[in-house]
Amino acid sequence: MLQNKKVLITGGAGFIGSNLIERFLEQNNYIVCLDNFATGKKENIEPFLLHPDFKFIEGDIRNLENCKEAVEGVDLVLHQAALGSVPRSINDPITTNAVNIDGFVNMLVATRDAGIKRFVYAASSSTYGDHPALPKIEEQIGRPLSPYAVTKYVNELYARVFADLYGIETIGLRYFNVFGKRQDPYGAYAAAIPKFLKSLINHQSPVIYGDGEQSRDFTYIDNVIQANELAATTANPEALNTVYNVAFGENTTVNYLIEILKENLGRFDPEILKVEPDHQAVRVGDILHSLASIDKARNLLGYNPQFSIKAGLEIAINWYWENLK
């Protein structure tokens, strides 16, 4: 358990970051949050603003001075800030590069200069690119298929270089399709599950790109929190300066996902059971199948995810029903 530490969480007003803040405040840590609200939301951190062990800094990781202010007196960094979304990166590669690479290097430099030892960062399953093998194994990657994927791979390269040159203990967590409460369902670049939920709750056809037989390793937020905590606290030297898949280790087709969502939401509103998806053309940059091997994280970090997609959705859907209807 992570306890009695001063922790910087960048991107803390985002979906994953705010869930990390909530958990680690409960465990008697002092949390510093750095966010510029580019994709994060103030309402995600409003419950924490009056907490005596919480400090919010409105700033941008592209600004080195903001990064240096945020790391003052910190014991470890959980770097979640990034500009996500493959389609967004295809439409605007320059901004994606500036946030995800320039901002990442700024955070590494600030961490180094502050003498902070441990730097845990959000990596991405997009790094596997066009490598066809399933399940995905950390040491086997292909060519990136989007600017976003390029930036997340470059993060891994920079982390390793800073570990080798400056002795920072870095751990990258390759997230696989994370979902849960507070994930934004609005906007052109919203993730699939909250976007589907919003459509179904409103009796609108959820848009599926392709035939729906593409599959993903959907990962509930509590599994991600566990992985971050293990990465932050591990004392195993073999577990450092590498990357791990963070997933459940089970893939689900998008068509089956829609059926699960309809089945769960149908308990609240039977009319949702009649809503059918709208199939549209496949998007450029999307991969066909994604399934993670979690053996490395299990063996070196002790990672043991507790929430399958069905278990996670039961919790998440209750939250979305209350907040979206």
Protein backbone atom coordinates (compact mmCIF):
# COMPACT_ATOMS: atom_id res chain seq x y z
CA MET A 1 0.00 0.00 0.00
CA LEU A 2 1.18 3.51 -0.89
CA GLN A 3 1.06 5.50 2.36
CA ASN A 4 2.46 8.69 3.88
CA LYS A 5 4.10 9.89 0.65
CA LYS A 6 3.98 13.17 -1.20
CA VAL A 7 2.93 12.22 -4.71
CA LEU A 8 2.68 14.32 -7.85
CA ILE A 9 -0.05 13.17 -10.24
CA THR A 10 0.13 14.99 -13.55
CA GLY A 11 -3.11 15.05 -15.50
CA GLY A 12 -4.91 14.61 -12.20
CA ALA A 13 -8.10 16.27 -13.41
CA GLY A 14 -8.48 13.59 -16.06
CA PHE A 15 -10.27 10.27 -15.83
CA ILE A 16 -7.40 8.06 -14.68
CA GLY A 17 -5.62 10.79 -12.73
CA SER A 18 -8.65 11.73 -10.64
CA ASN A 19 -9.29 8.10 -9.74
CA LEU A 20 -5.66 7.79 -8.61
CA ILE A 21 -6.02 10.93 -6.49
CA GLU A 22 -9.14 9.60 -4.82
CA ARG A 23 -7.53 6.28 -3.91
CA PHE A 24 -4.23 7.67 -2.67
CA LEU A 25 -5.82 10.42 -0.58
CA GLU A 26 -7.80 7.67 1.15
CA GLN A 27 -4.46 6.03 2.03
CA ASN A 28 -3.06 9.07 3.85
CA ASN A 29 -0.83 10.45 1.12
CA TYR A 30 -0.30 14.12 0.25
CA ILE A 31 -1.24 14.64 -3.39
CA VAL A 32 -0.11 17.39 -5.75
CA CYS A 33 -2.12 17.62 -8.99
CA LEU A 34 -0.80 19.39 -12.10
CA ASP A 35 -3.33 19.94 -14.89
CA ASN A 36 -4.20 22.56 -17.52
CA PHE A 37 -7.78 21.33 -18.16
CA ALA A 38 -7.05 20.69 -21.84
CA THR A 39 -8.85 17.37 -21.52
CA GLY A 40 -9.28 17.09 -17.75
CA LYS A 41 -12.25 18.64 -15.98
CA LYS A 42 -12.43 20.78 -12.86
CA GLU A 43 -15.44 18.81 -11.61
CA ASN A 44 -13.23 15.71 -11.42
CA ILE A 45 -11.10 17.29 -8.69
CA GLU A 46 -13.73 19.46 -6.97
CA PRO A 47 -14.28 16.83 -4.23
CA PHE A 48 -10.59 17.12 -3.29
CA LEU A 49 -10.05 20.90 -3.38
CA LEU A 50 -10.77 21.42 0.33
CA HIS A 51 -8.88 18.31 1.43
CA PRO A 52 -5.95 19.31 3.68
CA ASP A 53 -3.62 16.85 1.91
CA PHE A 54 -4.37 18.01 -1.63
CA LYS A 55 -2.75 20.77 -3.66
CA PHE A 56 -3.79 21.78 -7.15
CA ILE A 57 -1.47 23.58 -9.57
CA GLU A 58 -3.02 24.80 -12.80
CA GLY A 59 -0.20 24.47 -15.28
CA ASP A 60 1.03 22.88 -18.47
CA ILE A 61 3.65 20.15 -18.78
CA ARG A 62 4.93 21.98 -21.87
CA ASN A 63 6.08 24.71 -19.45
CA LEU A 64 9.23 23.55 -17.64
CA GLU A 65 8.72 26.06 -14.80
CA ASN A 66 5.26 24.61 -14.11
CA CYS A 67 6.83 21.15 -13.95
CA LYS A 68 9.56 22.31 -11.57
CA GLU A 69 7.01 23.94 -9.27
CA ALA A 70 4.94 20.77 -9.20
CA VAL A 71 7.80 18.45 -8.17
CA GLU A 72 8.95 20.52 -5.19
CA GLY A 73 9.26 18.26 -2.13
CA VAL A 74 7.67 15.31 -3.92
CA ASP A 75 8.63 11.69 -3.16
CA LEU A 76 7.49 10.19 -6.47
CA VAL A 77 5.80 11.11 -9.74
CA LEU A 78 2.83 9.40 -11.36
CA HIS A 79 2.83 10.97 -14.83
CA GLN A 80 -0.62 10.59 -16.41
CA ALA A 81 -0.78 13.85 -18.38
CA ALA A 82 -0.98 13.35 -22.14
CA LEU A 83 -3.04 14.24 -25.16
CA GLY A 84 -4.80 10.99 -25.96
CA SER A 85 -6.75 9.67 -28.94
CA VAL A 86 -5.44 8.22 -32.19
CA PRO A 87 -7.88 10.22 -34.37
CA ARG A 88 -6.92 13.48 -32.62
CA SER A 89 -3.24 12.79 -33.28
CA ILE A 90 -3.94 12.14 -36.96
CA ASN A 91 -5.83 15.44 -37.22
CA ASP A 92 -3.28 17.42 -35.18
CA PRO A 93 0.09 15.66 -34.88
CA ILE A 94 1.96 18.83 -33.87
CA THR A 95 0.03 19.41 -30.65
CA THR A 96 0.07 15.70 -29.80
CA ASN A 97 3.84 15.68 -30.23
CA ALA A 98 4.33 18.85 -28.17
CA VAL A 99 2.30 17.58 -25.21
CA ASN A 100 3.29 13.93 -25.25
CA ILE A 101 7.00 14.27 -26.05
CA ASP A 102 8.10 17.80 -25.10
CA GLY A 103 5.93 17.67 -21.99
CA PHE A 104 7.21 14.21 -21.09
CA VAL A 105 10.85 15.32 -21.35
CA ASN A 106 10.08 18.38 -19.23
CA MET A 107 8.67 16.14 -16.51
CA LEU A 108 11.71 13.85 -16.65
CA VAL A 109 14.08 16.83 -16.39
CA ALA A 110 12.12 18.31 -13.48
CA THR A 111 12.13 14.92 -11.76
CA ARG A 112 15.87 14.55 -12.26
CA ASP A 113 16.67 18.06 -11.06
CA ALA A 114 14.51 17.61 -7.94
CA GLY A 115 16.34 14.39 -7.03
CA ILE A 116 13.15 12.29 -7.17
CA LYS A 117 13.96 8.63 -7.53
CA ARG A 118 10.77 6.99 -8.88
CA PHE A 119 8.93 8.05 -12.05
CA VAL A 120 5.90 5.97 -13.06
CA TYR A 121 4.27 6.95 -16.35
CA ALA A 122 1.29 6.09 -18.51
CA ALA A 123 2.42 4.23 -21.60
CA SER A 124 0.02 2.82 -24.19
CA SER A 125 -0.99 -0.39 -25.94
CA SER A 126 -0.87 1.63 -29.18
CA THR A 127 2.89 1.04 -29.09
CA TYR A 128 2.31 -2.48 -30.44
CA GLY A 129 1.29 -0.97 -33.77
CA ASP A 130 1.07 -3.48 -36.61
CA HIS A 131 2.67 -6.40 -34.75
CA PRO A 132 0.23 -9.28 -35.42
CA ALA A 133 0.93 -11.59 -32.47
CA LEU A 134 -1.66 -12.16 -29.75
CA PRO A 135 -1.40 -11.83 -26.85
CA LYS A 136 0.78 -8.74 -26.86
CA ILE A 137 4.13 -9.30 -25.13
CA GLU A 138 6.10 -6.28 -23.94
CA GLU A 139 9.30 -7.07 -25.86
CA GLN A 140 7.58 -7.60 -29.23
CA ILE A 141 6.29 -4.45 -30.90
CA GLY A 142 5.62 -3.44 -34.49
CA ARG A 143 5.51 -0.18 -36.42
CA PRO A 144 3.35 2.58 -34.90
CA LEU A 145 0.15 3.30 -36.81
CA SER A 146 -0.50 6.87 -35.64
CA PRO A 147 1.32 9.96 -34.37
CA TYR A 148 -0.09 9.20 -30.91
CA ALA A 149 1.50 5.74 -30.98
CA VAL A 150 4.83 7.27 -32.02
CA THR A 151 4.75 9.68 -29.07
CA LYS A 152 4.00 6.96 -26.54
CA TYR A 153 6.84 4.79 -27.86
CA VAL A 154 9.24 7.75 -27.73
CA ASN A 155 8.23 8.19 -24.07
CA GLU A 156 9.49 4.67 -23.37
CA LEU A 157 12.79 5.41 -25.11
CA TYR A 158 13.30 8.63 -23.16
CA ALA A 159 12.44 6.94 -19.86
CA ARG A 160 15.06 4.28 -20.46
CA VAL A 161 17.71 6.86 -21.40
CA PHE A 162 17.02 8.91 -18.26
CA ALA A 163 17.22 5.74 -16.17
CA ASP A 164 20.57 4.84 -17.71
CA LEU A 165 22.08 8.34 -17.62
CA TYR A 166 20.67 9.81 -14.42
CA GLY A 167 19.64 6.87 -12.26
CA ILE A 168 15.91 7.64 -12.18
CA GLU A 169 13.81 4.52 -11.53
CA THR A 170 11.25 4.52 -14.35
CA ILE A 171 8.30 2.22 -14.88
CA GLY A 172 5.97 2.49 -17.87
CA LEU A 173 2.45 1.09 -17.75
CA ARG A 174 0.99 0.24 -21.15
CA TYR A 175 -2.71 0.79 -20.57
CA PHE A 176 -5.20 -1.27 -22.56
CA ASN A 177 -8.58 0.45 -23.15
CA VAL A 178 -9.22 1.66 -19.61
CA PHE A 179 -12.80 2.43 -18.55
CA GLY A 180 -14.67 3.47 -15.40
CA LYS A 181 -16.32 6.38 -13.61
CA ARG A 182 -15.46 9.95 -14.69
CA GLN A 183 -14.39 8.92 -18.21
CA ASP A 184 -15.67 11.68 -20.47
CA PRO A 185 -18.46 10.59 -22.88
CA TYR A 186 -18.53 13.91 -24.75
CA GLY A 187 -16.54 15.31 -27.63
CA ALA A 188 -15.20 13.98 -30.90
CA TYR A 189 -12.41 12.01 -29.20
CA ALA A 190 -14.35 10.35 -26.39
CA ALA A 191 -13.44 6.73 -25.60
CA ALA A 192 -15.67 3.94 -26.84
CA ILE A 193 -17.40 2.74 -23.66
CA PRO A 194 -18.61 6.11 -22.29
CA LYS A 195 -19.57 7.19 -25.81
CA PHE A 196 -21.61 3.99 -26.32
CA LEU A 197 -23.25 4.43 -22.91
CA LYS A 198 -24.27 8.01 -23.66
CA SER A 199 -25.80 6.97 -26.99
CA LEU A 200 -27.72 4.03 -25.54
CA ILE A 201 -29.04 6.00 -22.56
CA ASN A 202 -30.34 8.58 -25.07
CA HIS A 203 -31.86 5.82 -27.28
CA GLN A 204 -29.41 6.70 -30.06
CA SER A 205 -27.51 4.17 -32.16
CA PRO A 206 -23.91 3.77 -30.96
CA VAL A 207 -21.45 4.17 -33.84
CA ILE A 208 -19.22 1.16 -34.51
CA TYR A 209 -16.38 1.62 -36.98
CA GLY A 210 -16.25 -1.56 -39.06
CA ASP A 211 -18.14 -4.80 -38.55
CA GLY A 212 -17.73 -4.81 -34.77
CA GLU A 213 -15.68 -7.99 -34.67
CA GLN A 214 -12.54 -6.05 -33.75
CA SER A 215 -11.58 -6.84 -30.17
CA ARG A 216 -10.03 -5.03 -27.22
CA ASP A 217 -8.69 -5.92 -23.79
CA PHE A 218 -11.01 -3.61 -21.86
CA THR A 219 -9.52 -2.78 -18.46
CA TYR A 220 -11.44 -1.49 -15.45
CA ILE A 221 -9.95 1.53 -13.66
CA ASP A 222 -9.34 -0.29 -10.35
CA ASN A 223 -6.94 -2.66 -12.13
CA VAL A 224 -5.01 0.40 -13.34
CA ILE A 225 -4.92 1.86 -9.83
CA GLN A 226 -3.49 -1.41 -8.54
CA ALA A 227 -0.77 -1.37 -11.21
CA ASN A 228 0.22 2.21 -10.39
CA GLU A 229 0.41 1.43 -6.69
CA LEU A 230 2.57 -1.63 -7.29
CA ALA A 231 4.86 0.33 -9.62
CA ALA A 232 5.14 3.14 -7.07
CA THR A 233 6.04 0.85 -4.17
CA THR A 234 7.96 -2.09 -5.62
CA ALA A 235 11.33 -2.78 -4.04
CA ASN A 236 12.24 -5.43 -6.62
CA PRO A 237 15.24 -4.13 -8.62
CA GLU A 238 14.33 -6.42 -11.52
CA ALA A 239 10.96 -4.64 -11.80
CA LEU A 240 12.49 -1.23 -12.55
CA ASN A 241 13.35 0.58 -15.80
CA THR A 242 10.99 -1.38 -17.99
CA VAL A 243 7.39 -1.39 -19.22
CA TYR A 244 4.36 -3.52 -18.36
CA ASN A 245 1.02 -4.32 -19.93
CA VAL A 246 -1.83 -3.20 -17.71
CA ALA A 247 -4.96 -5.08 -18.71
CA PHE A 248 -7.20 -7.91 -17.61
CA GLY A 249 -5.82 -10.38 -20.14
CA GLU A 250 -9.11 -11.11 -21.91
CA ASN A 251 -10.35 -9.66 -25.19
CA THR A 252 -13.92 -8.71 -26.07
CA THR A 253 -15.37 -7.86 -29.47
CA VAL A 254 -17.07 -4.51 -29.86
CA ASN A 255 -20.30 -6.28 -30.87
CA TYR A 256 -20.29 -8.29 -27.64
CA LEU A 257 -19.47 -5.15 -25.66
CA ILE A 258 -22.60 -3.48 -27.05
CA GLU A 259 -24.66 -6.49 -26.00
CA ILE A 260 -23.28 -6.34 -22.45
CA LEU A 261 -24.01 -2.61 -22.25
CA LYS A 262 -27.57 -3.05 -23.52
CA GLU A 263 -28.20 -5.94 -21.14
CA ASN A 264 -27.04 -3.92 -18.13
CA LEU A 265 -28.78 -0.70 -19.11
CA GLY A 266 -31.94 -2.63 -19.92
CA ARG A 267 -32.42 -3.16 -16.20
CA PHE A 268 -33.08 0.58 -15.89
CA ASP A 269 -34.81 1.17 -19.23
CA PRO A 270 -36.11 -1.78 -21.32
CA GLU A 271 -36.37 0.47 -24.40
CA ILE A 272 -32.57 0.44 -24.63
CA LEU A 273 -32.70 -3.24 -25.57
CA LYS A 274 -34.25 -2.22 -28.92
CA VAL A 275 -31.45 0.18 -29.91
CA GLU A 276 -29.24 -1.15 -32.72
CA PRO A 277 -25.71 0.04 -33.54
CA ASP A 278 -24.77 2.14 -36.57
CA HIS A 279 -21.86 0.53 -38.47
CA GLN A 280 -19.60 2.98 -40.29
CA ALA A 281 -16.33 2.76 -42.23
CA VAL A 282 -13.19 1.57 -40.43
CA ARG A 283 -11.08 4.45 -39.08
CA VAL A 284 -7.51 5.00 -40.22
CA GLY A 285 -4.97 4.07 -37.55
CA ASP A 286 -7.19 1.64 -35.64
CA ILE A 287 -5.81 -1.80 -34.86
CA LEU A 288 -7.96 -4.88 -35.40
CA HIS A 289 -7.32 -6.90 -32.26
CA SER A 290 -5.75 -6.21 -28.90
CA LEU A 291 -5.09 -8.71 -26.12
CA ALA A 292 -2.43 -8.36 -23.43
CA SER A 293 -0.20 -10.87 -21.79
CA ILE A 294 -0.02 -9.78 -18.14
CA ASP A 295 2.55 -12.41 -17.15
CA LYS A 296 5.41 -9.91 -16.83
CA ALA A 297 3.45 -7.59 -14.53
CA ARG A 298 2.19 -10.56 -12.53
CA ASN A 299 5.67 -12.03 -12.08
CA LEU A 300 7.70 -8.87 -11.40
CA LEU A 301 5.17 -6.49 -9.82
CA GLY A 302 2.70 -8.93 -8.27
CA TYR A 303 -0.10 -7.52 -10.45
CA ASN A 304 -3.34 -9.45 -10.00
CA PRO A 305 -6.29 -7.66 -11.65
CA GLN A 306 -9.56 -8.23 -9.82
CA PHE A 307 -12.09 -6.80 -12.27
CA SER A 308 -13.13 -8.46 -15.53
CA ILE A 309 -14.94 -6.37 -18.12
CA LYS A 310 -18.33 -7.63 -16.85
CA ALA A 311 -17.52 -6.89 -13.20
CA GLY A 312 -16.16 -3.47 -14.05
CA LEU A 313 -19.09 -2.57 -16.27
CA GLU A 314 -21.61 -3.40 -13.57
CA ILE A 315 -20.00 -0.73 -11.37
CA ALA A 316 -19.35 1.79 -14.14
CA ILE A 317 -22.84 1.56 -15.64
CA ASN A 318 -24.46 2.40 -12.32
CA TRP A 319 -22.32 5.55 -12.17
CA TYR A 320 -23.07 6.58 -15.76
CA TRP A 321 -26.79 5.97 -15.35
CA GLU A 322 -26.85 8.36 -12.40
CA ASN A 323 -24.71 10.97 -14.17
CA LEU A 324 -25.93 10.83 -17.77
CA LYS A 325 -29.66 10.14 -17.68
